[in-house]
């Protein structure tokens, strides 16, 4: 991912609202707005959310293998989509790390004892940045 250049890295550091697209059990897409952080070194994208949210429950039901998802952000004509497999993580140290990353890109998240992390192992990158 680092080979994609500084423009790509900067785009994923800028504050942009993103979308997360997953697949419902009936096969239809489920698209929701989210904040995403990207670790270029590990090719892991993270979304923090409540464990009670539909997206978290649907992905958790996929089990340890995870489920295919995409996260996308757009700024005018610039855009980037990250595709990969997502799993839900709830270990306190994983959640704390994701909250720290979120605070760096967006703002300090509100308190949420039910928070989990949707962790996406990025396997494909699309876009023009």
Protein backbone atom coordinates (compact mmCIF):
# COMPACT_ATOMS: atom_id res chain seq x y z
CA UNK A 1 0.00 0.00 0.00
CA UNK A 2 2.87 2.38 0.64
CA UNK A 3 3.82 1.94 -3.00
CA UNK A 4 0.63 3.81 -3.92
CA UNK A 5 2.42 7.01 -2.94
CA UNK A 6 2.11 9.97 -0.62
CA UNK A 7 -1.02 11.33 -2.34
CA UNK A 8 -2.86 8.11 -1.49
CA UNK A 9 -1.56 8.15 2.10
CA UNK A 10 -2.55 11.80 2.56
CA UNK A 11 -6.03 11.17 1.15
CA UNK A 12 -6.59 8.46 3.78
CA UNK A 13 -5.34 10.82 6.54
CA UNK A 14 -7.63 13.70 5.53
CA UNK A 15 -10.95 13.94 7.34
CA UNK A 16 -13.53 12.40 5.01
CA UNK A 17 -16.79 10.62 5.68
CA UNK A 18 -16.71 7.14 4.18
CA UNK A 19 -19.15 4.39 3.37
CA UNK A 20 -18.99 0.76 4.41
CA UNK A 21 -20.68 -1.71 2.10
CA UNK A 22 -21.44 -5.22 3.26
CA UNK A 23 -23.86 -7.89 2.15
CA UNK A 24 -27.08 -8.73 3.99
CA UNK A 25 -28.05 -12.39 4.46
CA UNK A 26 -30.51 -12.00 1.56
CA UNK A 27 -27.65 -10.95 -0.74
CA UNK A 28 -28.54 -7.26 -1.04
CA UNK A 29 -25.95 -4.57 -0.30
CA UNK A 30 -26.00 -2.74 3.03
CA UNK A 31 -24.30 0.67 2.76
CA UNK A 32 -23.77 2.92 5.78
CA UNK A 33 -21.74 6.06 6.51
CA UNK A 34 -18.71 5.48 8.75
CA UNK A 35 -15.35 6.86 9.75
CA UNK A 36 -12.43 4.73 8.57
CA UNK A 37 -8.79 4.66 9.56
CA UNK A 38 -6.15 2.97 7.43
CA UNK A 39 -2.83 1.50 8.54
CA UNK A 40 -0.71 1.51 5.40
CA UNK A 41 1.96 -0.72 6.94
CA UNK A 42 -0.39 -3.59 7.72
CA UNK A 43 -3.10 -2.94 5.08
CA UNK A 44 -5.73 -2.94 7.84
CA UNK A 45 -8.68 -0.54 7.73
CA UNK A 46 -10.71 -0.04 10.91
CA UNK A 47 -14.22 1.13 11.66
CA UNK A 48 -15.40 1.67 15.23
CA UNK A 49 -19.06 1.05 15.94
CA UNK A 50 -21.45 -0.25 18.54
CA UNK A 51 -21.59 -4.01 18.83
CA UNK A 52 -25.36 -3.72 18.67
CA UNK A 53 -25.34 -2.07 15.22
CA UNK A 54 -26.70 -4.02 12.27
CA UNK A 55 -23.35 -3.87 10.47
CA UNK A 56 -21.48 -5.30 13.46
CA UNK A 57 -24.06 -8.03 14.08
CA UNK A 58 -24.13 -9.05 10.41
CA UNK A 59 -20.34 -9.22 10.17
CA UNK A 60 -20.00 -11.03 13.51
CA UNK A 61 -22.42 -13.67 12.24
CA UNK A 62 -19.94 -14.43 9.44
CA UNK A 63 -17.60 -15.91 12.04
CA UNK A 64 -13.82 -15.97 12.24
CA UNK A 65 -13.46 -16.14 8.45
CA UNK A 66 -15.12 -12.76 8.12
CA UNK A 67 -17.13 -11.39 5.24
CA UNK A 68 -16.33 -9.38 2.12
CA UNK A 69 -16.78 -5.61 2.45
CA UNK A 70 -15.71 -2.37 0.81
CA UNK A 71 -15.04 1.05 2.29
CA UNK A 72 -15.05 4.09 0.04
CA UNK A 73 -14.37 7.78 0.34
CA UNK A 74 -14.96 10.53 -2.19
CA UNK A 75 -13.80 14.13 -2.33
CA UNK A 76 -14.93 15.78 -5.54
CA UNK A 77 -13.27 13.85 -8.33
CA UNK A 78 -10.83 12.11 -5.98
CA UNK A 79 -11.94 8.73 -4.71
CA UNK A 80 -10.60 5.52 -3.24
CA UNK A 81 -12.21 2.18 -2.42
CA UNK A 82 -10.64 -0.49 -0.23
CA UNK A 83 -11.97 -4.02 -0.58
CA UNK A 84 -11.26 -6.88 1.77
CA UNK A 85 -12.51 -9.25 4.45
CA UNK A 86 -13.92 -7.87 7.67
CA UNK A 87 -14.07 -9.39 11.13
CA UNK A 88 -15.47 -7.94 14.34
CA UNK A 89 -13.00 -7.52 17.21
CA UNK A 90 -13.93 -6.66 20.80
CA UNK A 91 -10.70 -7.11 22.76
CA UNK A 92 -10.20 -4.01 24.95
CA UNK A 93 -6.70 -3.29 23.63
CA UNK A 94 -7.88 -3.58 20.01
CA UNK A 95 -10.83 -1.26 20.66
CA UNK A 96 -8.59 1.26 22.47
CA UNK A 97 -6.11 1.26 19.58
CA UNK A 98 -8.90 1.80 17.04
CA UNK A 99 -10.36 4.64 19.14
CA UNK A 100 -6.93 6.32 19.25
CA UNK A 101 -6.58 6.05 15.48
CA UNK A 102 -10.12 7.40 14.98
CA UNK A 103 -9.37 10.38 17.27
CA UNK A 104 -6.27 11.21 15.20
CA UNK A 105 -8.23 11.33 11.95
CA UNK A 106 -11.63 12.60 13.09
CA UNK A 107 -12.24 13.50 16.75
CA UNK A 108 -12.32 11.77 20.12
CA UNK A 109 -15.19 9.28 19.93
CA UNK A 110 -17.96 9.47 22.48
CA UNK A 111 -17.95 6.92 25.29
CA UNK A 112 -19.51 3.61 24.26
CA UNK A 113 -19.01 0.51 26.42
CA UNK A 114 -20.54 -1.64 23.65
CA UNK A 115 -17.96 -0.48 21.08
CA UNK A 116 -16.32 -2.99 18.76
CA UNK A 117 -13.95 -2.69 15.82
CA UNK A 118 -14.66 -3.81 12.31
CA UNK A 119 -11.21 -4.80 11.14
CA UNK A 120 -10.78 -5.07 7.37
CA UNK A 121 -7.82 -6.84 5.81
CA UNK A 122 -7.48 -4.93 2.57
CA UNK A 123 -6.99 -7.14 -0.48
CA UNK A 124 -7.73 -4.69 -3.30
CA UNK A 125 -7.48 -0.94 -3.82
CA UNK A 126 -9.39 1.01 -6.44
CA UNK A 127 -9.51 4.72 -7.18
CA UNK A 128 -7.70 7.65 -8.70
CA UNK A 129 -5.58 8.85 -5.79
